[in-house]
PDB file of N, CA and C in Angstrom:
ATOM      1  N   MET A   1       0.846  -1.185   0.000  1.00  0.00           N
ATOM      2  CA  MET A   1       0.000   0.000   0.000  1.00  0.00           C
ATOM      3  C   MET A   1       0.889   1.245   0.000  1.00  0.00           C
ATOM      4  N   LYS A   2       0.697   2.092  -0.974  1.00  0.00           N
ATOM      5  CA  LYS A   2       1.501   3.304  -1.095  1.00  0.00           C
ATOM      6  C   LYS A   2       0.748   4.482  -0.481  1.00  0.00           C
ATOM      7  N   HIS A   3       1.461   5.259   0.305  1.00  0.00           N
ATOM      8  CA  HIS A   3       0.901   6.488   0.847  1.00  0.00           C
ATOM      9  C   HIS A   3       1.263   7.631  -0.093  1.00  0.00           C
ATOM     10  N   GLU A   4       0.272   8.359  -0.529  1.00  0.00           N
ATOM     11  CA  GLU A   4       0.522   9.558  -1.333  1.00  0.00           C
ATOM     12  C   GLU A   4       0.936  10.662  -0.356  1.00  0.00           C
ATOM     13  N   PRO A   5       2.159  11.187  -0.469  1.00  0.00           N
ATOM     14  CA  PRO A   5       2.651  12.140   0.525  1.00  0.00           C
ATOM     15  C   PRO A   5       1.743  13.348   0.774  1.00  0.00           C
ATOM     16  N   ASN A   6       1.240  13.979  -0.274  1.00  0.00           N
ATOM     17  CA  ASN A   6       0.414  15.173  -0.064  1.00  0.00           C
ATOM     18  C   ASN A   6      -0.925  14.841   0.583  1.00  0.00           C
ATOM     19  N   VAL A   7      -1.512  13.707   0.225  1.00  0.00           N
ATOM     20  CA  VAL A   7      -2.796  13.314   0.811  1.00  0.00           C
ATOM     21  C   VAL A   7      -2.617  13.020   2.296  1.00  0.00           C
ATOM     22  N   THR A   8      -1.582  12.247   2.626  1.00  0.00           N
ATOM     23  CA  THR A   8      -1.315  11.927   4.022  1.00  0.00           C
ATOM     24  C   THR A   8      -0.991  13.195   4.814  1.00  0.00           C
ATOM     25  N   ALA A   9      -0.183  14.076   4.242  1.00  0.00           N
ATOM     26  CA  ALA A   9       0.180  15.324   4.918  1.00  0.00           C
ATOM     27  C   ALA A   9      -1.049  16.198   5.151  1.00  0.00           C
ATOM     28  N   ASN A  10      -1.925  16.310   4.145  1.00  0.00           N
ATOM     29  CA  ASN A  10      -3.142  17.120   4.297  1.00  0.00           C
ATOM     30  C   ASN A  10      -4.065  16.542   5.369  1.00  0.00           C
ATOM     31  N   ALA A  11      -4.213  15.213   5.379  1.00  0.00           N
ATOM     32  CA  ALA A  11      -5.077  14.577   6.379  1.00  0.00           C
ATOM     33  C   ALA A  11      -4.516  14.765   7.784  1.00  0.00           C
ATOM     34  N   THR A  12      -3.214  14.648   7.923  1.00  0.00           N
ATOM     35  CA  THR A  12      -2.577  14.847   9.228  1.00  0.00           C
ATOM     36  C   THR A  12      -2.755  16.292   9.698  1.00  0.00           C
ATOM     37  N   ALA A  13      -2.524  17.239   8.805  1.00  0.00           N
ATOM     38  CA  ALA A  13      -2.659  18.656   9.157  1.00  0.00           C
ATOM     39  C   ALA A  13      -4.093  19.003   9.534  1.00  0.00           C
ATOM     40  N   LEU A  14      -5.062  18.477   8.808  1.00  0.00           N
ATOM     41  CA  LEU A  14      -6.464  18.735   9.127  1.00  0.00           C
ATOM     42  C   LEU A  14      -6.824  18.154  10.492  1.00  0.00           C
ATOM     43  N   THR A  15      -6.347  16.952  10.766  1.00  0.00           N
ATOM     44  CA  THR A  15      -6.628  16.316  12.054  1.00  0.00           C
ATOM     45  C   THR A  15      -6.041  17.121  13.209  1.00  0.00           C
ATOM     46  N   VAL A  16      -4.783  17.500  13.100  1.00  0.00           N
ATOM     47  CA  VAL A  16      -4.133  18.262  14.165  1.00  0.00           C
ATOM     48  C   VAL A  16      -4.775  19.644  14.308  1.00  0.00           C
ATOM     49  N   GLY A  17      -5.104  20.285  13.196  1.00  0.00           N
ATOM     50  CA  GLY A  17      -5.763  21.596  13.261  1.00  0.00           C
ATOM     51  C   GLY A  17      -7.104  21.526  13.975  1.00  0.00           C
ATOM     52  N   THR A  18      -7.860  20.484  13.701  1.00  0.00           N
ATOM     53  CA  THR A  18      -9.157  20.306  14.364  1.00  0.00           C
ATOM     54  C   THR A  18      -8.969  20.078  15.859  1.00  0.00           C
ATOM     55  N   ILE A  19      -8.023  19.222  16.218  1.00  0.00           N
ATOM     56  CA  ILE A  19      -7.752  18.972  17.632  1.00  0.00           C
ATOM     57  C   ILE A  19      -7.283  20.248  18.316  1.00  0.00           C
ATOM     58  N   TYR A  20      -6.458  21.035  17.645  1.00  0.00           N
ATOM     59  CA  TYR A  20      -5.969  22.290  18.213  1.00  0.00           C
ATOM     60  C   TYR A  20      -7.130  23.253  18.515  1.00  0.00           C
ATOM     61  N   ILE A  21      -8.062  23.368  17.591  1.00  0.00           N
ATOM     62  CA  ILE A  21      -9.209  24.266  17.780  1.00  0.00           C
ATOM     63  C   ILE A  21     -10.076  23.798  18.943  1.00  0.00           C
ATOM     64  N   VAL A  22     -10.348  22.500  19.008  1.00  0.00           N
ATOM     65  CA  VAL A  22     -11.152  21.957  20.113  1.00  0.00           C
ATOM     66  C   VAL A  22     -10.435  22.166  21.441  1.00  0.00           C
ATOM     67  N   CYS A  23      -9.140  21.917  21.471  1.00  0.00           N
ATOM     68  CA  CYS A  23      -8.359  22.094  22.694  1.00  0.00           C
ATOM     69  C   CYS A  23      -8.347  23.558  23.142  1.00  0.00           C
ATOM     70  N   ALA A  24      -8.143  24.475  22.217  1.00  0.00           N
ATOM     71  CA  ALA A  24      -8.131  25.900  22.563  1.00  0.00           C
ATOM     72  C   ALA A  24      -9.489  26.338  23.104  1.00  0.00           C
ATOM     73  N   ALA A  25     -10.559  25.847  22.500  1.00  0.00           N
ATOM     74  CA  ALA A  25     -11.902  26.171  22.989  1.00  0.00           C
ATOM     75  C   ALA A  25     -12.101  25.618  24.395  1.00  0.00           C
ATOM     76  N   ALA A  26     -11.603  24.417  24.642  1.00  0.00           N
ATOM     77  CA  ALA A  26     -11.734  23.819  25.972  1.00  0.00           C
ATOM     78  C   ALA A  26     -10.965  24.622  27.016  1.00  0.00           C
ATOM     79  N   VAL A  27      -9.782  25.098  26.657  1.00  0.00           N
ATOM     80  CA  VAL A  27      -8.985  25.894  27.595  1.00  0.00           C
ATOM     81  C   VAL A  27      -9.704  27.194  27.939  1.00  0.00           C
ATOM     82  N   VAL A  28     -10.329  27.811  26.956  1.00  0.00           N
ATOM     83  CA  VAL A  28     -11.040  29.078  27.203  1.00  0.00           C
ATOM     84  C   VAL A  28     -12.336  28.837  27.980  1.00  0.00           C
ATOM     85  N   LEU A  29     -13.098  27.825  27.573  1.00  0.00           N
ATOM     86  CA  LEU A  29     -14.414  27.589  28.168  1.00  0.00           C
ATOM     87  C   LEU A  29     -14.370  26.775  29.460  1.00  0.00           C
ATOM     88  N   LEU A  30     -13.433  25.863  29.570  1.00  0.00           N
ATOM     89  CA  LEU A  30     -13.341  24.963  30.725  1.00  0.00           C
ATOM     90  C   LEU A  30     -11.897  24.897  31.228  1.00  0.00           C
ATOM     91  N   PRO A  31     -11.376  26.002  31.755  1.00  0.00           N
ATOM     92  CA  PRO A  31      -9.953  26.027  32.125  1.00  0.00           C
ATOM     93  C   PRO A  31      -9.579  25.031  33.221  1.00  0.00           C
ATOM     94  N   ASP A  32     -10.434  24.846  34.213  1.00  0.00           N
ATOM     95  CA  ASP A  32     -10.094  23.916  35.294  1.00  0.00           C
ATOM     96  C   ASP A  32     -10.053  22.474  34.802  1.00  0.00           C
ATOM     97  N   LEU A  33     -11.030  22.089  33.992  1.00  0.00           N
ATOM     98  CA  LEU A  33     -11.040  20.742  33.431  1.00  0.00           C
ATOM     99  C   LEU A  33      -9.834  20.533  32.517  1.00  0.00           C
ATOM    100  N   SER A  34      -9.512  21.542  31.716  1.00  0.00           N
ATOM    101  CA  SER A  34      -8.350  21.449  30.821  1.00  0.00           C
ATOM    102  C   SER A  34      -7.067  21.250  31.614  1.00  0.00           C
ATOM    103  N   LEU A  35      -6.938  21.968  32.720  1.00  0.00           N
ATOM    104  CA  LEU A  35      -5.753  21.842  33.560  1.00  0.00           C
ATOM    105  C   LEU A  35      -5.683  20.448  34.183  1.00  0.00           C
ATOM    106  N   THR A  36      -6.815  19.937  34.623  1.00  0.00           N
ATOM    107  CA  THR A  36      -6.861  18.593  35.207  1.00  0.00           C
ATOM    108  C   THR A  36      -6.452  17.540  34.188  1.00  0.00           C
ATOM    109  N   ILE A  37      -6.956  17.663  32.977  1.00  0.00           N
ATOM    110  CA  ILE A  37      -6.603  16.705  31.925  1.00  0.00           C
ATOM    111  C   ILE A  37      -5.126  16.810  31.576  1.00  0.00           C
ATOM    112  N   ALA A  38      -4.633  18.030  31.402  1.00  0.00           N
ATOM    113  CA  ALA A  38      -3.217  18.216  31.072  1.00  0.00           C
ATOM    114  C   ALA A  38      -2.329  17.657  32.185  1.00  0.00           C
ATOM    115  N   GLN A  39      -2.737  17.868  33.425  1.00  0.00           N
ATOM    116  CA  GLN A  39      -1.972  17.364  34.559  1.00  0.00           C
ATOM    117  C   GLN A  39      -1.922  15.838  34.533  1.00  0.00           C
ATOM    118  N   SER A  40      -3.025  15.199  34.153  1.00  0.00           N
ATOM    119  CA  SER A  40      -3.036  13.733  34.088  1.00  0.00           C
ATOM    120  C   SER A  40      -2.130  13.223  32.959  1.00  0.00           C
ATOM    121  N   TRP A  41      -2.016  13.978  31.881  1.00  0.00           N
ATOM    122  CA  TRP A  41      -1.155  13.588  30.767  1.00  0.00           C
ATOM    123  C   TRP A  41       0.324  13.724  31.121  1.00  0.00           C
ATOM    124  N   PHE A  42       0.629  14.605  32.074  1.00  0.00           N
ATOM    125  CA  PHE A  42       2.014  14.807  32.508  1.00  0.00           C
ATOM    126  C   PHE A  42       2.287  14.116  33.837  1.00  0.00           C
ATOM    127  N   HIS A  43       1.624  12.980  34.040  1.00  0.00           N
ATOM    128  CA  HIS A  43       1.867  12.099  35.187  1.00  0.00           C
ATOM    129  C   HIS A  43       1.714  12.812  36.523  1.00  0.00           C
ATOM    130  N   GLY A  44       0.735  13.676  36.627  1.00  0.00           N
ATOM    131  CA  GLY A  44       0.429  14.337  37.881  1.00  0.00           C
ATOM    132  C   GLY A  44       1.279  15.539  38.209  1.00  0.00           C
ATOM    133  N   LEU A  45       2.129  15.949  37.291  1.00  0.00           N
ATOM    134  CA  LEU A  45       2.958  17.131  37.517  1.00  0.00           C
ATOM    135  C   LEU A  45       2.056  18.313  37.844  1.00  0.00           C
ATOM    136  N   ASP A  46       2.388  19.080  38.877  1.00  0.00           N
ATOM    137  CA  ASP A  46       1.549  20.195  39.303  1.00  0.00           C
ATOM    138  C   ASP A  46       1.719  21.374  38.342  1.00  0.00           C
ATOM    139  N   LEU A  47       0.803  21.475  37.411  1.00  0.00           N
ATOM    140  CA  LEU A  47       0.860  22.538  36.412  1.00  0.00           C
ATOM    141  C   LEU A  47       0.183  23.822  36.886  1.00  0.00           C
ATOM    142  N   SER A  48      -0.485  23.765  38.014  1.00  0.00           N
ATOM    143  CA  SER A  48      -1.217  24.945  38.496  1.00  0.00           C
ATOM    144  C   SER A  48      -0.275  26.109  38.797  1.00  0.00           C
ATOM    145  N   LYS A  49       0.978  25.813  39.109  1.00  0.00           N
ATOM    146  CA  LYS A  49       1.944  26.870  39.428  1.00  0.00           C
ATOM    147  C   LYS A  49       2.372  27.659  38.193  1.00  0.00           C
ATOM    148  N   ILE A  50       2.182  27.078  37.018  1.00  0.00           N
ATOM    149  CA  ILE A  50       2.557  27.771  35.789  1.00  0.00           C
ATOM    150  C   ILE A  50       1.350  28.025  34.896  1.00  0.00           C
ATOM    151  N   SER A  51       0.181  27.730  35.415  1.00  0.00           N
ATOM    152  CA  SER A  51      -1.034  27.827  34.610  1.00  0.00           C
ATOM    153  C   SER A  51      -1.602  29.236  34.617  1.00  0.00           C
ATOM    154  N   VAL A  52      -1.665  29.821  33.449  1.00  0.00           N
ATOM    155  CA  VAL A  52      -2.313  31.106  33.249  1.00  0.00           C
ATOM    156  C   VAL A  52      -3.050  31.010  31.916  1.00  0.00           C
ATOM    157  N   VAL A  53      -4.364  31.160  31.957  1.00  0.00           N
ATOM    158  CA  VAL A  53      -5.137  31.106  30.721  1.00  0.00           C
ATOM    159  C   VAL A  53      -5.076  32.481  30.088  1.00  0.00           C
ATOM    160  N   ASN A  54      -4.378  32.561  28.968  1.00  0.00           N
ATOM    161  CA  ASN A  54      -4.199  33.827  28.277  1.00  0.00           C
ATOM    162  C   ASN A  54      -4.221  33.566  26.772  1.00  0.00           C
ATOM    163  N   VAL A  55      -5.365  33.121  26.282  1.00  0.00           N
ATOM    164  CA  VAL A  55      -5.502  32.822  24.861  1.00  0.00           C
ATOM    165  C   VAL A  55      -5.959  34.091  24.150  1.00  0.00           C
ATOM    166  N   THR A  56      -5.056  34.665  23.366  1.00  0.00           N
ATOM    167  CA  THR A  56      -5.402  35.836  22.575  1.00  0.00           C
ATOM    168  C   THR A  56      -5.613  35.389  21.136  1.00  0.00           C
ATOM    169  N   LEU A  57      -6.200  36.234  20.332  1.00  0.00           N
ATOM    170  CA  LEU A  57      -6.391  35.894  18.929  1.00  0.00           C
ATOM    171  C   LEU A  57      -5.044  35.633  18.254  1.00  0.00           C
ATOM    172  N   GLY A  58      -4.060  36.457  18.576  1.00  0.00           N
ATOM    173  CA  GLY A  58      -2.734  36.289  17.989  1.00  0.00           C
ATOM    174  C   GLY A  58      -2.072  34.974  18.385  1.00  0.00           C
ATOM    175  N   SER A  59      -2.150  34.630  19.678  1.00  0.00           N
ATOM    176  CA  SER A  59      -1.531  33.372  20.116  1.00  0.00           C
ATOM    177  C   SER A  59      -2.288  32.177  19.555  1.00  0.00           C
ATOM    178  N   PHE A  60      -3.609  32.302  19.418  1.00  0.00           N
ATOM    179  CA  PHE A  60      -4.410  31.221  18.831  1.00  0.00           C
ATOM    180  C   PHE A  60      -4.011  30.987  17.373  1.00  0.00           C
ATOM    181  N   ILE A  61      -3.917  32.052  16.606  1.00  0.00           N
ATOM    182  CA  ILE A  61      -3.573  31.925  15.182  1.00  0.00           C
ATOM    183  C   ILE A  61      -2.149  31.400  15.014  1.00  0.00           C
ATOM    184  N   LEU A  62      -1.202  31.922  15.798  1.00  0.00           N
ATOM    185  CA  LEU A  62       0.180  31.454  15.717  1.00  0.00           C
ATOM    186  C   LEU A  62       0.259  29.961  16.057  1.00  0.00           C
ATOM    187  N   GLY A  63      -0.416  29.553  17.117  1.00  0.00           N
ATOM    188  CA  GLY A  63      -0.415  28.142  17.494  1.00  0.00           C
ATOM    189  C   GLY A  63      -1.056  27.264  16.441  1.00  0.00           C
ATOM    190  N   LEU A  64      -2.168  27.727  15.870  1.00  0.00           N
ATOM    191  CA  LEU A  64      -2.853  26.959  14.837  1.00  0.00           C
ATOM    192  C   LEU A  64      -1.983  26.805  13.595  1.00  0.00           C
ATOM    193  N   VAL A  65      -1.416  27.900  13.131  1.00  0.00           N
ATOM    194  CA  VAL A  65      -0.591  27.867  11.920  1.00  0.00           C
ATOM    195  C   VAL A  65       0.646  26.981  12.120  1.00  0.00           C
ATOM    196  N   THR A  66       1.329  27.140  13.243  1.00  0.00           N
ATOM    197  CA  THR A  66       2.549  26.360  13.456  1.00  0.00           C
ATOM    198  C   THR A  66       2.249  24.883  13.692  1.00  0.00           C
ATOM    199  N   SER A  67       1.160  24.563  14.389  1.00  0.00           N
ATOM    200  CA  SER A  67       0.838  23.150  14.607  1.00  0.00           C
ATOM    201  C   SER A  67       0.387  22.484  13.310  1.00  0.00           C
ATOM    202  N   VAL A  68      -0.356  23.204  12.474  1.00  0.00           N
ATOM    203  CA  VAL A  68      -0.786  22.646  11.187  1.00  0.00           C
ATOM    204  C   VAL A  68       0.420  22.473  10.256  1.00  0.00           C
ATOM    205  N   ALA A  69       1.293  23.464  10.207  1.00  0.00           N
ATOM    206  CA  ALA A  69       2.478  23.361   9.350  1.00  0.00           C
ATOM    207  C   ALA A  69       3.403  22.235   9.819  1.00  0.00           C
ATOM    208  N   GLY A  70       3.604  22.149  11.105  1.00  0.00           N
ATOM    209  CA  GLY A  70       4.458  21.085  11.638  1.00  0.00           C
ATOM    210  C   GLY A  70       3.872  19.705  11.392  1.00  0.00           C
ATOM    211  N   SER A  71       2.579  19.559  11.601  1.00  0.00           N
ATOM    212  CA  SER A  71       1.950  18.254  11.393  1.00  0.00           C
ATOM    213  C   SER A  71       1.887  17.896   9.909  1.00  0.00           C
ATOM    214  N   TRP A  72       1.735  18.889   9.037  1.00  0.00           N
ATOM    215  CA  TRP A  72       1.778  18.615   7.596  1.00  0.00           C
ATOM    216  C   TRP A  72       3.155  18.049   7.225  1.00  0.00           C
ATOM    217  N   THR A  73       4.196  18.647   7.767  1.00  0.00           N
ATOM    218  CA  THR A  73       5.555  18.182   7.495  1.00  0.00           C
ATOM    219  C   THR A  73       5.754  16.754   8.003  1.00  0.00           C
ATOM    220  N   VAL A  74       5.280  16.477   9.214  1.00  0.00           N
ATOM    221  CA  VAL A  74       5.390  15.124   9.767  1.00  0.00           C
ATOM    222  C   VAL A  74       4.619  14.130   8.902  1.00  0.00           C
ATOM    223  N   GLY A  75       3.401  14.481   8.486  1.00  0.00           N
ATOM    224  CA  GLY A  75       2.612  13.602   7.627  1.00  0.00           C
ATOM    225  C   GLY A  75       3.292  13.337   6.300  1.00  0.00           C
ATOM    226  N   TYR A  76       3.905  14.351   5.732  1.00  0.00           N
ATOM    227  CA  TYR A  76       4.591  14.203   4.451  1.00  0.00           C
ATOM    228  C   TYR A  76       5.807  13.284   4.590  1.00  0.00           C
ATOM    229  N   VAL A  77       6.609  13.537   5.619  1.00  0.00           N
ATOM    230  CA  VAL A  77       7.797  12.708   5.840  1.00  0.00           C
ATOM    231  C   VAL A  77       7.381  11.266   6.136  1.00  0.00           C
ATOM    232  N   PHE A  78       6.325  11.087   6.923  1.00  0.00           N
ATOM    233  CA  PHE A  78       5.834   9.741   7.217  1.00  0.00           C
ATOM    234  C   PHE A  78       5.441   9.013   5.930  1.00  0.00           C
ATOM    235  N   ALA A  79       4.678   9.674   5.067  1.00  0.00           N
ATOM    236  CA  ALA A  79       4.222   9.029   3.828  1.00  0.00           C
ATOM    237  C   ALA A  79       5.395   8.672   2.925  1.00  0.00           C
ATOM    238  N   ARG A  80       6.373   9.555   2.831  1.00  0.00           N
ATOM    239  CA  ARG A  80       7.558   9.258   2.010  1.00  0.00           C
ATOM    240  C   ARG A  80       8.328   8.073   2.588  1.00  0.00           C
ATOM    241  N   ALA A  81       8.501   8.078   3.896  1.00  0.00           N
ATOM    242  CA  ALA A  81       9.226   6.980   4.536  1.00  0.00           C
ATOM    243  C   ALA A  81       8.453   5.674   4.409  1.00  0.00           C
ATOM    244  N   TYR A  82       7.147   5.730   4.572  1.00  0.00           N
ATOM    245  CA  TYR A  82       6.324   4.530   4.452  1.00  0.00           C
ATOM    246  C   TYR A  82       6.432   3.946   3.041  1.00  0.00           C
ATOM    247  N   SER A  83       6.321   4.796   2.060  1.00  0.00           N
ATOM    248  CA  SER A  83       6.437   4.338   0.677  1.00  0.00           C
ATOM    249  C   SER A  83       7.820   3.742   0.399  1.00  0.00           C
ATOM    250  N   TYR A  84       8.840   4.366   0.925  1.00  0.00           N
ATOM    251  CA  TYR A  84      10.204   3.867   0.738  1.00  0.00           C
ATOM    252  C   TYR A  84      10.371   2.489   1.361  1.00  0.00           C
ATOM    253  N   PHE A  85       9.964   2.354   2.610  1.00  0.00           N
ATOM    254  CA  PHE A  85      10.154   1.084   3.305  1.00  0.00           C
ATOM    255  C   PHE A  85       9.206  -0.005   2.825  1.00  0.00           C
ATOM    256  N   SER A  86       8.065   0.357   2.283  1.00  0.00           N
ATOM    257  CA  SER A  86       7.132  -0.668   1.802  1.00  0.00           C
ATOM    258  C   SER A  86       7.610  -1.311   0.495  1.00  0.00           C
ATOM    259  N   LYS A  87       8.527  -0.668  -0.191  1.00  0.00           N
ATOM    260  CA  LYS A  87       9.092  -1.224  -1.430  1.00  0.00           C
ATOM    261  C   LYS A  87      10.142  -2.277  -1.130  1.00  0.00           C
ATOM    262  N   ARG A  88      10.684  -2.291   0.046  1.00  0.00           N
ATOM    263  CA  ARG A  88      11.787  -3.208   0.400  1.00  0.00           C
ATOM    264  C   ARG A  88      11.286  -4.562   0.732  1.00  0.00           C
TER     265      ARG A  88
END
């Protein structure tokens, strides 16, 4: 099975972008729950000492653009590597 690099990259970027938007909305609308979930993902590390909810339009857009661009790159590299190794 061959992975088309652009298709895989686009699907990865769309998935990460959607998760980013949902996560940002959760942080704004449900900050305590978001902190509890994040704390559980970091093995109980006390994040409350560094937790400040400060989501601005600029930080939201910067985070969205960089996470989508980064995930597109990862998806593209994954598809190329998958295609390369599947030929062997």
